[in-house]
Amino acid sequence: MFCADTKYDESLLPHIQDADLIYHETTYLDNLRERAEERFHSTTKQAAELALKGGVKKLLIGHFSSKYDTLEEFEAEAREVFPNTELALEGVCFEV
């Protein structure tokens, strides 16, 4: 399941319930939650909260804003809420 270019939306929960893997955009870190909402994007913690509420097994996060120089903070922040989170990076393969 892909949740891309969307702000936090719990109406997605029935579609992701118990999924093995979802991809969710995390354009901004959570300190820019307001900006994310204004621009119809999600933050790291919002994607992780949706994965947790949906009972999914693994969360891939991506679609990061180019304003950030590094991505480690995205993974760390999401893992605070949903530990089984990985960065969706170009060329990386994931086993389901």
N, C-alpha and C. Protein backbone atom coordinates (compact mmCIF):
# COMPACT_ATOMS: atom_id res chain seq x y z
N MET A 1 0.85 -1.17 0.00
CA MET A 1 0.00 0.00 0.00
C MET A 1 0.89 1.23 0.00
N PHE A 2 0.53 2.22 -0.80
CA PHE A 2 1.26 3.47 -0.88
C PHE A 2 0.38 4.60 -0.35
N CYS A 3 0.92 5.38 0.56
CA CYS A 3 0.25 6.58 1.07
C CYS A 3 1.17 7.74 0.73
N ALA A 4 1.00 8.29 -0.46
CA ALA A 4 1.94 9.29 -0.96
C ALA A 4 1.24 10.60 -1.26
N ASP A 5 1.98 11.68 -1.05
CA ASP A 5 1.45 13.02 -1.26
C ASP A 5 0.10 13.21 -0.59
N THR A 6 0.06 12.86 0.68
CA THR A 6 -1.18 12.99 1.44
C THR A 6 -0.87 13.45 2.85
N LYS A 7 -1.77 14.23 3.40
CA LYS A 7 -1.61 14.58 4.80
C LYS A 7 -2.17 13.45 5.66
N TYR A 8 -1.94 13.52 6.95
CA TYR A 8 -2.40 12.49 7.88
C TYR A 8 -3.90 12.31 7.73
N ASP A 9 -4.33 11.06 7.50
CA ASP A 9 -5.73 10.80 7.23
C ASP A 9 -6.10 9.40 7.73
N GLU A 10 -6.82 9.35 8.84
CA GLU A 10 -7.19 8.06 9.42
C GLU A 10 -8.20 7.29 8.58
N SER A 11 -8.77 7.92 7.56
CA SER A 11 -9.67 7.17 6.69
C SER A 11 -8.91 6.13 5.87
N LEU A 12 -7.57 6.21 5.87
CA LEU A 12 -6.74 5.21 5.21
C LEU A 12 -6.64 3.91 6.01
N LEU A 13 -6.96 3.97 7.29
CA LEU A 13 -6.78 2.81 8.17
C LEU A 13 -7.42 1.52 7.66
N PRO A 14 -8.66 1.51 7.19
CA PRO A 14 -9.23 0.25 6.70
C PRO A 14 -8.45 -0.34 5.51
N HIS A 15 -7.79 0.51 4.76
CA HIS A 15 -7.05 0.07 3.57
C HIS A 15 -5.67 -0.50 3.91
N ILE A 16 -5.13 -0.12 5.04
CA ILE A 16 -3.79 -0.59 5.41
C ILE A 16 -3.82 -1.60 6.55
N GLN A 17 -4.99 -1.87 7.09
CA GLN A 17 -5.12 -2.74 8.27
C GLN A 17 -4.36 -4.05 8.08
N ASP A 18 -3.45 -4.33 9.00
CA ASP A 18 -2.67 -5.57 9.04
C ASP A 18 -1.81 -5.82 7.80
N ALA A 19 -1.47 -4.78 7.06
CA ALA A 19 -0.62 -4.94 5.87
C ALA A 19 0.78 -5.39 6.27
N ASP A 20 1.40 -6.15 5.42
CA ASP A 20 2.78 -6.58 5.65
C ASP A 20 3.74 -5.39 5.54
N LEU A 21 3.43 -4.48 4.63
CA LEU A 21 4.32 -3.36 4.35
C LEU A 21 3.50 -2.20 3.79
N ILE A 22 3.76 -0.99 4.30
CA ILE A 22 3.21 0.20 3.66
C ILE A 22 4.35 1.20 3.44
N TYR A 23 4.19 1.99 2.39
CA TYR A 23 5.06 3.12 2.13
C TYR A 23 4.23 4.36 2.44
N HIS A 24 4.81 5.25 3.23
CA HIS A 24 4.11 6.50 3.54
C HIS A 24 5.09 7.64 3.41
N GLU A 25 4.65 8.71 2.76
CA GLU A 25 5.51 9.88 2.66
C GLU A 25 5.72 10.52 4.02
N THR A 26 6.87 11.09 4.20
CA THR A 26 7.20 11.85 5.41
C THR A 26 8.02 13.05 4.95
N THR A 27 7.34 13.98 4.36
CA THR A 27 8.03 15.12 3.76
C THR A 27 8.76 15.97 4.79
N TYR A 28 8.21 16.05 6.00
CA TYR A 28 8.81 16.89 7.04
C TYR A 28 8.99 16.14 8.35
N LEU A 29 9.94 16.59 9.13
CA LEU A 29 10.06 16.12 10.51
C LEU A 29 8.89 16.70 11.30
N ASP A 30 8.63 16.14 12.45
CA ASP A 30 7.42 16.48 13.18
C ASP A 30 7.38 17.91 13.71
N ASN A 31 8.52 18.56 13.86
CA ASN A 31 8.50 19.95 14.33
C ASN A 31 7.90 20.90 13.29
N LEU A 32 7.70 20.41 12.06
CA LEU A 32 7.07 21.20 11.00
C LEU A 32 5.69 20.64 10.65
N ARG A 33 5.00 20.11 11.65
CA ARG A 33 3.68 19.50 11.45
C ARG A 33 2.70 20.49 10.81
N GLU A 34 2.73 21.73 11.27
CA GLU A 34 1.81 22.74 10.74
C GLU A 34 2.07 22.99 9.25
N ARG A 35 3.33 23.10 8.89
CA ARG A 35 3.68 23.30 7.48
C ARG A 35 3.24 22.10 6.65
N ALA A 36 3.46 20.90 7.19
CA ALA A 36 3.04 19.69 6.48
C ALA A 36 1.54 19.73 6.20
N GLU A 37 0.78 20.06 7.21
CA GLU A 37 -0.68 20.12 7.07
C GLU A 37 -1.08 21.15 6.00
N GLU A 38 -0.48 22.31 6.04
CA GLU A 38 -0.80 23.38 5.07
C GLU A 38 -0.50 22.95 3.64
N ARG A 39 0.51 22.11 3.48
CA ARG A 39 0.95 21.70 2.14
C ARG A 39 0.48 20.29 1.77
N PHE A 40 -0.44 19.74 2.57
CA PHE A 40 -1.02 18.42 2.31
C PHE A 40 0.03 17.32 2.28
N HIS A 41 0.94 17.38 3.26
CA HIS A 41 1.95 16.35 3.44
C HIS A 41 1.86 15.80 4.85
N SER A 42 2.68 14.81 5.13
CA SER A 42 2.72 14.18 6.45
C SER A 42 4.10 14.33 7.06
N THR A 43 4.15 14.15 8.37
CA THR A 43 5.43 14.16 9.09
C THR A 43 5.81 12.72 9.42
N THR A 44 7.02 12.58 9.91
CA THR A 44 7.51 11.26 10.31
C THR A 44 6.61 10.61 11.35
N LYS A 45 6.30 11.34 12.38
CA LYS A 45 5.49 10.76 13.46
C LYS A 45 4.07 10.46 13.01
N GLN A 46 3.53 11.26 12.12
CA GLN A 46 2.18 10.99 11.62
C GLN A 46 2.14 9.68 10.83
N ALA A 47 3.13 9.46 9.99
CA ALA A 47 3.20 8.21 9.23
C ALA A 47 3.35 7.02 10.18
N ALA A 48 4.19 7.19 11.18
CA ALA A 48 4.40 6.11 12.16
C ALA A 48 3.13 5.84 12.97
N GLU A 49 2.42 6.90 13.34
CA GLU A 49 1.16 6.74 14.09
C GLU A 49 0.14 5.98 13.26
N LEU A 50 0.06 6.28 11.97
CA LEU A 50 -0.88 5.59 11.10
C LEU A 50 -0.51 4.11 10.98
N ALA A 51 0.78 3.81 10.84
CA ALA A 51 1.23 2.42 10.76
C ALA A 51 0.90 1.68 12.04
N LEU A 52 1.11 2.32 13.17
CA LEU A 52 0.83 1.70 14.46
C LEU A 52 -0.66 1.42 14.60
N LYS A 53 -1.48 2.41 14.30
CA LYS A 53 -2.94 2.24 14.42
C LYS A 53 -3.47 1.21 13.43
N GLY A 54 -2.79 1.07 12.29
CA GLY A 54 -3.21 0.12 11.27
C GLY A 54 -2.71 -1.29 11.51
N GLY A 55 -1.88 -1.47 12.51
CA GLY A 55 -1.36 -2.80 12.81
C GLY A 55 -0.48 -3.37 11.70
N VAL A 56 0.19 -2.49 10.96
CA VAL A 56 1.04 -2.97 9.87
C VAL A 56 2.33 -3.56 10.43
N LYS A 57 2.98 -4.36 9.61
CA LYS A 57 4.20 -5.03 10.08
C LYS A 57 5.46 -4.19 9.83
N LYS A 58 5.51 -3.48 8.70
CA LYS A 58 6.70 -2.70 8.38
C LYS A 58 6.29 -1.40 7.68
N LEU A 59 7.01 -0.33 8.02
CA LEU A 59 6.76 0.99 7.44
C LEU A 59 8.00 1.46 6.69
N LEU A 60 7.81 1.83 5.43
CA LEU A 60 8.85 2.48 4.65
C LEU A 60 8.47 3.94 4.52
N ILE A 61 9.41 4.83 4.76
CA ILE A 61 9.13 6.25 4.66
C ILE A 61 9.99 6.88 3.57
N GLY A 62 9.40 7.87 2.89
CA GLY A 62 10.12 8.54 1.81
C GLY A 62 9.47 9.86 1.46
N HIS A 63 9.82 10.39 0.27
CA HIS A 63 9.31 11.66 -0.24
C HIS A 63 9.71 12.79 0.72
N PHE A 64 11.00 12.83 1.01
CA PHE A 64 11.55 13.78 1.97
C PHE A 64 11.76 15.15 1.31
N SER A 65 11.51 16.21 2.05
CA SER A 65 11.74 17.55 1.55
C SER A 65 13.23 17.75 1.28
N SER A 66 13.52 18.46 0.20
CA SER A 66 14.92 18.73 -0.15
C SER A 66 15.57 19.73 0.79
N LYS A 67 14.80 20.30 1.72
CA LYS A 67 15.37 21.25 2.68
C LYS A 67 16.30 20.57 3.68
N TYR A 68 16.21 19.24 3.77
CA TYR A 68 17.03 18.48 4.72
C TYR A 68 18.28 17.94 4.04
N ASP A 69 19.42 18.06 4.73
CA ASP A 69 20.69 17.57 4.20
C ASP A 69 20.91 16.09 4.49
N THR A 70 20.37 15.61 5.61
CA THR A 70 20.52 14.20 5.97
C THR A 70 19.16 13.62 6.32
N LEU A 71 19.07 12.29 6.31
CA LEU A 71 17.77 11.63 6.52
C LEU A 71 17.71 10.81 7.80
N GLU A 72 18.82 10.68 8.51
CA GLU A 72 18.84 9.85 9.71
C GLU A 72 17.78 10.25 10.73
N GLU A 73 17.53 11.54 10.84
CA GLU A 73 16.57 12.03 11.81
C GLU A 73 15.14 11.57 11.47
N PHE A 74 14.85 11.42 10.18
CA PHE A 74 13.54 10.92 9.77
C PHE A 74 13.31 9.51 10.32
N GLU A 75 14.30 8.66 10.12
CA GLU A 75 14.18 7.28 10.59
C GLU A 75 14.09 7.22 12.11
N ALA A 76 14.93 7.97 12.79
CA ALA A 76 14.94 7.97 14.26
C ALA A 76 13.61 8.46 14.82
N GLU A 77 13.08 9.54 14.25
CA GLU A 77 11.84 10.11 14.76
C GLU A 77 10.66 9.16 14.53
N ALA A 78 10.60 8.54 13.37
CA ALA A 78 9.51 7.59 13.10
C ALA A 78 9.62 6.37 14.01
N ARG A 79 10.84 5.90 14.24
CA ARG A 79 11.04 4.70 15.07
C ARG A 79 10.65 4.93 16.54
N GLU A 80 10.62 6.18 16.98
CA GLU A 80 10.14 6.46 18.33
C GLU A 80 8.71 5.97 18.51
N VAL A 81 7.93 6.03 17.44
CA VAL A 81 6.52 5.62 17.48
C VAL A 81 6.35 4.22 16.92
N PHE A 82 7.02 3.92 15.82
CA PHE A 82 6.88 2.64 15.13
C PHE A 82 8.28 2.09 14.82
N PRO A 83 8.80 1.22 15.69
CA PRO A 83 10.18 0.76 15.57
C PRO A 83 10.55 0.09 14.24
N ASN A 84 9.63 -0.60 13.61
CA ASN A 84 9.97 -1.31 12.38
C ASN A 84 9.79 -0.39 11.16
N THR A 85 10.57 0.69 11.17
CA THR A 85 10.55 1.70 10.11
C THR A 85 11.90 1.72 9.42
N GLU A 86 11.86 1.86 8.09
CA GLU A 86 13.09 2.01 7.31
C GLU A 86 12.91 3.12 6.30
N LEU A 87 14.03 3.71 5.90
CA LEU A 87 14.01 4.74 4.87
C LEU A 87 13.88 4.08 3.50
N ALA A 88 13.01 4.59 2.68
CA ALA A 88 12.87 4.12 1.31
C ALA A 88 13.86 4.91 0.45
N LEU A 89 15.01 4.33 0.21
CA LEU A 89 16.05 4.99 -0.54
C LEU A 89 16.17 4.37 -1.92
N GLU A 90 16.54 5.18 -2.88
CA GLU A 90 16.66 4.72 -4.26
C GLU A 90 17.63 3.53 -4.35
N GLY A 91 17.20 2.50 -5.04
CA GLY A 91 18.06 1.33 -5.28
C GLY A 91 18.04 0.29 -4.19
N VAL A 92 17.38 0.55 -3.09
CA VAL A 92 17.34 -0.40 -1.98
C VAL A 92 16.14 -1.34 -2.18
N CYS A 93 16.36 -2.63 -1.97
CA CYS A 93 15.31 -3.64 -2.07
C CYS A 93 14.89 -4.07 -0.67
N PHE A 94 13.62 -4.36 -0.52
CA PHE A 94 13.09 -4.79 0.78
C PHE A 94 12.37 -6.10 0.60
N GLU A 95 12.60 -7.01 1.54
CA GLU A 95 11.94 -8.30 1.52
C GLU A 95 10.63 -8.20 2.28
N VAL A 96 9.58 -8.77 1.70
CA VAL A 96 8.27 -8.76 2.34
C VAL A 96 7.93 -10.17 2.80
